[in-house]
Amino acid sequence: VIPLLTITTTSLPNGQQGALYPSQSLVATGGIGNYMWTLATGSGPLPGGMTLSADGDIEGTPTSAGAAPFIVEVTSGTQTAEQALSITIDVPTPTSRIVFTRDMALEGNQIFSMNPDGSDETQLTSYNVGGGNKVRPAQSADGTRIAYTATASGTHIWVMEADGSNPVNLTPGAANQLSPEWSPDGTKILYETDEHGPYNHEIYVMDADGSNRERLTDNPASSNSPEWSPDGSKIAFMTNRDGNYEIYVMDPDGSNPVNLTNDPSPDLNPAWSPDGSRIAFTSNRGGGTHDIYVMNVDGSNVVNVTNSVVAEYQPTSVSYTH
């Protein structure tokens, strides 16, 4: 008598967005052996970036957070069995360090880090390594790497470890590259470049090691300040292709650009809310000084959230309810 085929795996561990998932081998008993695994008909998908092999191995690097329920099926001879499972992918724990730029006078602008309470201040870059100013630091989601702009022999994108070690120039060459931004999964970096002309900045994306450069915008005007949405599904940026600066969004491959603001006043410096539902930006559309505005991701429900007599600029990573 052939034993009844049964899947004995009933739960799977959580993973972390942007981090390699600990490989899990599904287990079954019974049947005649030679188990063949697949997702059952009608099953939901695995978390983005993860795969199930025919041998029952679940592995990969999750690209988005959240719970992903699915159903696996195993076949052995003429028997099949199914099991409902779920994997929850957690958002990475934010780094406990604040990274910032300081004016060091004769040494130019250099990058430092510190604890949230201001203690343990550490200088990460120096004029003696690479020369010039180091500005616009951007931390990877897991806090292990920092991308930044360095201005020695041109303006280029560099990456270093969180402790300042192993600085590497990712964009050597004659053109200027600036404004690095990590993808949520830490595998890619957005940036802007003037290689097509000093008044024609374009947005590119590259792998985290500087390889596989891909142009995302192609317009005679300038496109600047790219920002990934928290789930990596959209990129916000500002561009003057309509005569003055507006906030646009596009798909990660540069397709489907959409003007969200469409206002006679310049709209600048987009920043996503942590949940990806809103975008903050700078504008003087109220007349006079610049204020911080917030809108839905489709451009609706624009609200001035500062409305001050002094200027406010460059919002970042906002949470907002209205």
Protein backbone atom coordinates (compact mmCIF):
# COMPACT_ATOMS: atom_id res chain seq x y z
CA VAL A 1 0.00 0.00 0.00
CA ILE A 2 1.41 3.40 -1.00
CA PRO A 3 1.34 5.79 1.98
CA LEU A 4 -0.89 8.85 1.76
CA LEU A 5 0.96 11.87 0.41
CA THR A 6 1.02 14.67 3.01
CA ILE A 7 2.74 18.06 3.21
CA THR A 8 4.18 18.44 6.71
CA THR A 9 5.42 22.03 6.33
CA THR A 10 2.71 24.19 7.90
CA SER A 11 4.43 27.55 8.46
CA LEU A 12 7.32 29.60 7.11
CA PRO A 13 9.49 32.27 8.79
CA ASN A 14 9.15 35.97 8.11
CA GLY A 15 11.58 37.70 5.79
CA GLN A 16 12.83 41.25 5.44
CA GLN A 17 12.39 43.49 2.44
CA GLY A 18 15.65 43.86 0.53
CA ALA A 19 17.44 41.09 2.49
CA LEU A 20 18.14 37.54 1.30
CA TYR A 21 15.40 35.23 2.59
CA PRO A 22 16.66 32.23 4.59
CA SER A 23 16.14 29.39 2.10
CA GLN A 24 13.36 27.00 3.15
CA SER A 25 12.88 23.43 1.90
CA LEU A 26 9.27 22.25 1.91
CA VAL A 27 8.75 18.78 3.39
CA ALA A 28 6.29 16.05 2.42
CA THR A 29 5.82 12.43 3.47
CA GLY A 30 4.16 9.42 1.83
CA GLY A 31 3.65 8.77 -1.84
CA ILE A 32 6.47 7.05 -3.73
CA GLY A 33 9.04 9.83 -3.24
CA ASN A 34 10.38 11.95 -6.12
CA TYR A 35 8.36 14.93 -4.98
CA MET A 36 7.60 17.67 -7.52
CA TRP A 37 6.55 21.06 -6.13
CA THR A 38 4.67 23.96 -7.67
CA LEU A 39 2.12 26.63 -6.77
CA ALA A 40 -1.40 25.23 -6.87
CA THR A 41 -3.90 26.39 -9.46
CA GLY A 42 -5.57 29.56 -8.18
CA SER A 43 -2.83 30.25 -5.65
CA GLY A 44 -1.67 33.76 -4.92
CA PRO A 45 1.93 34.62 -5.83
CA LEU A 46 4.99 34.35 -3.66
CA PRO A 47 6.41 37.66 -2.39
CA GLY A 48 8.03 39.63 -5.21
CA GLY A 49 11.61 38.52 -5.85
CA MET A 50 11.09 35.00 -4.44
CA THR A 51 10.77 31.64 -6.22
CA LEU A 52 9.65 28.07 -5.54
CA SER A 53 11.78 25.39 -7.21
CA ALA A 54 10.50 21.99 -8.35
CA ASP A 55 12.53 20.51 -5.47
CA GLY A 56 10.50 22.53 -2.96
CA ASP A 57 13.06 25.23 -2.15
CA ILE A 58 11.72 28.73 -1.46
CA GLU A 59 14.37 31.41 -1.80
CA GLY A 60 15.16 34.88 -3.13
CA THR A 61 15.35 38.50 -2.00
CA PRO A 62 11.90 40.01 -1.28
CA THR A 63 11.27 43.32 -3.04
CA SER A 64 8.15 44.45 -1.18
CA ALA A 65 6.74 44.21 2.34
CA GLY A 66 3.49 42.63 3.52
CA ALA A 67 1.79 39.26 3.96
CA ALA A 68 1.72 36.94 0.92
CA PRO A 69 -0.66 33.95 1.25
CA PHE A 70 -0.27 31.16 -1.31
CA ILE A 71 -0.96 27.45 -1.81
CA VAL A 72 1.71 24.89 -2.66
CA GLU A 73 1.09 21.60 -4.41
CA VAL A 74 3.27 18.51 -4.37
CA THR A 75 2.99 15.52 -6.72
CA SER A 76 4.33 12.02 -6.10
CA GLY A 77 3.31 9.35 -8.57
CA THR A 78 -0.46 9.58 -9.00
CA GLN A 79 -1.02 11.45 -5.71
CA THR A 80 -1.14 15.21 -5.14
CA ALA A 81 -1.44 17.21 -1.95
CA GLU A 82 -1.91 20.92 -1.24
CA GLN A 83 -1.07 23.14 1.71
CA ALA A 84 -1.95 26.79 2.38
CA LEU A 85 1.06 28.81 3.54
CA SER A 86 1.98 32.45 3.99
CA ILE A 87 5.16 34.48 4.20
CA THR A 88 5.21 37.90 5.84
CA ILE A 89 7.89 40.28 4.62
CA ASP A 90 8.79 42.95 7.16
CA VAL A 91 9.95 46.47 6.42
CA PRO A 92 13.64 46.80 7.33
CA THR A 93 14.29 48.27 10.74
CA PRO A 94 15.47 51.83 10.14
CA THR A 95 19.10 52.51 10.83
CA SER A 96 19.80 53.89 14.29
CA ARG A 97 22.28 56.40 12.85
CA ILE A 98 21.62 59.85 11.40
CA VAL A 99 23.84 60.70 8.44
CA PHE A 100 24.47 64.35 7.55
CA THR A 101 26.89 66.80 5.88
CA ARG A 102 29.01 69.32 7.80
CA ASP A 103 30.95 72.32 6.51
CA MET A 104 34.55 71.63 7.58
CA ALA A 105 35.91 74.98 6.33
CA LEU A 106 39.30 74.18 4.75
CA GLU A 107 38.34 70.51 4.33
CA GLY A 108 35.09 71.39 2.56
CA ASN A 109 31.79 69.62 3.19
CA GLN A 110 32.18 66.13 4.67
CA ILE A 111 29.77 63.39 5.77
CA PHE A 112 29.23 62.46 9.42
CA SER A 113 26.95 60.09 11.32
CA MET A 114 25.60 60.15 14.87
CA ASN A 115 23.10 58.46 17.14
CA PRO A 116 19.57 59.92 17.17
CA ASP A 117 20.33 61.67 20.48
CA GLY A 118 23.38 63.40 18.96
CA SER A 119 25.98 61.22 20.68
CA ASP A 120 28.86 59.26 19.11
CA GLU A 121 29.40 61.69 16.25
CA THR A 122 31.70 60.09 13.67
CA GLN A 123 33.33 61.60 10.58
CA LEU A 124 32.90 59.21 7.64
CA THR A 125 34.64 61.07 4.79
CA SER A 126 37.63 63.35 4.56
CA TYR A 127 39.23 65.69 2.04
CA ASN A 128 42.31 63.43 1.98
CA VAL A 129 40.32 60.54 0.44
CA GLY A 130 39.02 61.49 -2.98
CA GLY A 131 39.32 65.23 -2.35
CA GLY A 132 36.54 67.79 -2.74
CA ASN A 133 33.16 68.07 -1.05
CA LYS A 134 30.98 65.10 -0.09
CA VAL A 135 27.27 65.96 0.05
CA ARG A 136 23.73 64.54 -0.35
CA PRO A 137 24.25 61.31 1.63
CA ALA A 138 21.57 58.65 1.09
CA GLN A 139 21.39 55.49 3.20
CA SER A 140 20.33 52.12 1.85
CA ALA A 141 17.14 50.77 3.44
CA ASP A 142 19.05 48.31 5.61
CA GLY A 143 21.45 51.03 6.79
CA THR A 144 24.59 49.18 5.68
CA ARG A 145 25.67 51.48 2.82
CA ILE A 146 25.70 55.18 2.04
CA ALA A 147 25.61 56.73 -1.42
CA TYR A 148 26.72 60.33 -1.79
CA THR A 149 27.85 63.00 -4.24
CA ALA A 150 31.57 63.91 -4.33
CA THR A 151 32.85 66.98 -6.16
CA ALA A 152 36.52 66.25 -6.81
CA SER A 153 37.51 66.20 -10.53
CA GLY A 154 33.86 66.58 -11.49
CA THR A 155 30.74 65.55 -9.59
CA HIS A 156 30.23 61.82 -9.16
CA ILE A 157 28.24 59.21 -7.22
CA TRP A 158 30.21 57.31 -4.61
CA VAL A 159 29.18 54.49 -2.26
CA MET A 160 30.76 53.49 1.05
CA GLU A 161 29.99 51.23 3.97
CA ALA A 162 28.01 52.73 6.86
CA ASP A 163 31.23 53.19 8.85
CA GLY A 164 32.90 55.13 6.00
CA SER A 165 35.07 52.27 4.78
CA ASN A 166 35.52 51.10 1.19
CA PRO A 167 34.53 54.29 -0.69
CA VAL A 168 34.04 53.56 -4.41
CA ASN A 169 33.36 55.94 -7.30
CA LEU A 170 30.48 54.38 -9.24
CA THR A 171 30.33 56.98 -12.03
CA PRO A 172 33.84 57.95 -13.19
CA GLY A 173 33.98 60.01 -16.38
CA ALA A 174 33.72 63.56 -17.67
CA ALA A 175 30.02 64.18 -16.98
CA ASN A 176 28.58 65.24 -13.64
CA GLN A 177 26.31 62.85 -11.71
CA LEU A 178 24.45 63.76 -8.53
CA SER A 179 21.40 63.20 -6.27
CA PRO A 180 21.73 59.44 -5.57
CA GLU A 181 18.68 57.61 -4.23
CA TRP A 182 18.55 53.92 -3.27
CA SER A 183 15.79 51.63 -4.46
CA PRO A 184 13.76 50.20 -1.55
CA ASP A 185 15.38 46.77 -1.99
CA GLY A 186 18.89 48.25 -2.05
CA THR A 187 19.80 46.77 -5.46
CA LYS A 188 19.70 49.96 -7.56
CA ILE A 189 20.56 53.66 -7.35
CA LEU A 190 18.74 56.51 -9.09
CA TYR A 191 20.67 59.65 -10.02
CA GLU A 192 20.69 62.62 -12.38
CA THR A 193 23.41 63.56 -14.86
CA ASP A 194 24.32 66.45 -17.15
CA GLU A 195 26.06 64.26 -19.72
CA HIS A 196 23.52 65.36 -22.34
CA GLY A 197 24.13 69.07 -21.71
CA PRO A 198 24.45 71.50 -18.78
CA TYR A 199 20.79 72.51 -19.04
CA ASN A 200 19.51 69.02 -19.85
CA HIS A 201 19.80 66.89 -16.73
CA GLU A 202 18.41 63.40 -17.24
CA ILE A 203 17.57 60.64 -14.75
CA TYR A 204 19.40 57.31 -14.88
CA VAL A 205 19.33 54.16 -12.79
CA MET A 206 22.18 51.71 -12.20
CA ASP A 207 22.90 48.62 -10.17
CA ALA A 208 24.32 49.25 -6.69
CA ASP A 209 27.81 48.42 -7.98
CA GLY A 210 27.60 50.99 -10.80
CA SER A 211 26.90 48.51 -13.59
CA ASN A 212 23.95 48.33 -16.01
CA ARG A 213 23.30 52.06 -16.39
CA GLU A 214 19.88 52.75 -17.89
CA ARG A 215 18.47 56.09 -19.04
CA LEU A 216 14.94 56.72 -17.70
CA THR A 217 14.15 60.23 -19.01
CA ASP A 218 14.79 61.62 -22.49
CA ASN A 219 13.62 65.19 -22.93
CA PRO A 220 15.30 68.45 -24.06
CA ALA A 221 14.38 69.99 -20.69
CA SER A 222 15.82 68.94 -17.32
CA SER A 223 14.61 66.18 -14.98
CA ASN A 224 15.90 66.34 -11.40
CA SER A 225 15.58 65.06 -7.82
CA PRO A 226 14.33 61.50 -8.47
CA GLU A 227 12.69 59.70 -5.52
CA TRP A 228 11.58 56.05 -5.34
CA SER A 229 8.16 55.31 -3.90
CA PRO A 230 8.40 53.14 -0.76
CA ASP A 231 7.25 50.04 -2.65
CA GLY A 232 9.51 50.74 -5.64
CA SER A 233 6.60 50.87 -8.10
CA LYS A 234 6.95 54.56 -9.04
CA ILE A 235 9.56 57.29 -9.27
CA ALA A 236 8.70 60.92 -8.49
CA PHE A 237 10.83 63.71 -9.96
CA MET A 238 10.70 67.36 -10.91
CA THR A 239 11.04 68.58 -14.49
CA ASN A 240 10.69 71.83 -16.42
CA ARG A 241 9.58 70.15 -19.66
CA ASP A 242 6.29 72.08 -19.49
CA GLY A 243 7.96 75.49 -19.20
CA ASN A 244 8.29 75.59 -15.42
CA TYR A 245 9.12 72.94 -12.85
CA GLU A 246 6.34 70.42 -12.12
CA ILE A 247 6.20 67.20 -10.09
CA TYR A 248 5.93 64.08 -12.25
CA VAL A 249 5.78 60.37 -11.54
CA MET A 250 6.86 57.56 -13.87
CA ASP A 251 7.25 53.79 -13.81
CA PRO A 252 10.64 52.38 -12.69
CA ASP A 253 11.64 51.83 -16.34
CA GLY A 254 10.89 55.46 -17.24
CA SER A 255 7.59 54.78 -18.98
CA ASN A 256 4.22 56.47 -18.34
CA PRO A 257 5.39 59.91 -17.11
CA VAL A 258 2.48 61.87 -15.59
CA ASN A 259 2.36 65.53 -14.53
CA LEU A 260 0.81 65.64 -11.04
CA THR A 261 0.95 69.37 -10.27
CA ASN A 262 0.32 71.28 -13.52
CA ASP A 263 0.50 74.72 -11.89
CA PRO A 264 1.97 78.02 -13.18
CA SER A 265 4.24 78.24 -10.13
CA PRO A 266 7.35 76.04 -9.88
CA ASP A 267 6.82 72.83 -7.88
CA LEU A 268 10.04 71.29 -6.55
CA ASN A 269 11.69 68.53 -4.50
CA PRO A 270 9.15 65.67 -4.28
CA ALA A 271 9.24 63.35 -1.25
CA TRP A 272 7.04 60.30 -0.63
CA SER A 273 5.21 59.62 2.60
CA PRO A 274 6.39 56.40 4.29
CA ASP A 275 3.18 54.57 3.30
CA GLY A 276 3.43 55.77 -0.33
CA SER A 277 -0.01 57.38 -0.31
CA ARG A 278 1.09 61.03 -0.56
CA ILE A 279 3.84 63.22 -1.98
CA ALA A 280 5.21 66.36 -0.34
CA PHE A 281 6.83 69.11 -2.40
CA THR A 282 7.98 72.74 -2.30
CA SER A 283 6.07 75.52 -4.09
CA ASN A 284 5.39 79.26 -3.93
CA ARG A 285 2.00 78.87 -5.63
CA GLY A 286 0.43 80.80 -2.78
CA GLY A 287 2.52 83.84 -3.70
CA GLY A 288 5.55 85.12 -1.83
CA THR A 289 7.65 82.58 0.04
CA HIS A 290 8.01 78.87 -0.64
CA ASP A 291 5.91 76.49 1.46
CA ILE A 292 5.61 72.73 1.87
CA TYR A 293 2.59 71.21 0.16
CA VAL A 294 1.22 67.67 0.28
CA MET A 295 -0.94 65.90 -2.33
CA ASN A 296 -2.31 62.45 -3.08
CA VAL A 297 -0.24 60.33 -5.45
CA ASP A 298 -2.62 61.15 -8.30
CA GLY A 299 -2.09 64.91 -7.78
CA SER A 300 -5.42 65.52 -6.04
CA ASN A 301 -6.13 67.09 -2.64
CA VAL A 302 -3.23 69.59 -2.64
CA VAL A 303 -2.78 71.11 0.84
CA ASN A 304 -0.37 73.80 2.07
CA VAL A 305 0.89 72.35 5.36
CA THR A 306 3.26 75.16 6.42
CA ASN A 307 1.72 78.45 5.19
CA SER A 308 4.53 80.47 6.73
CA VAL A 309 5.94 83.96 6.18
CA VAL A 310 9.42 82.41 5.91
CA ALA A 311 10.50 79.95 3.24
CA GLU A 312 10.48 76.16 3.75
CA TYR A 313 12.21 73.77 1.35
CA GLN A 314 13.02 70.14 0.59
CA PRO A 315 10.61 67.97 2.60
CA THR A 316 11.63 64.36 3.18
CA SER A 317 9.93 61.14 4.32
CA VAL A 318 6.74 62.70 5.64
CA SER A 319 3.75 61.19 7.43
CA TYR A 320 0.56 63.20 6.99
CA THR A 321 -3.16 62.90 7.64
CA HIS A 322 -5.82 65.40 6.67
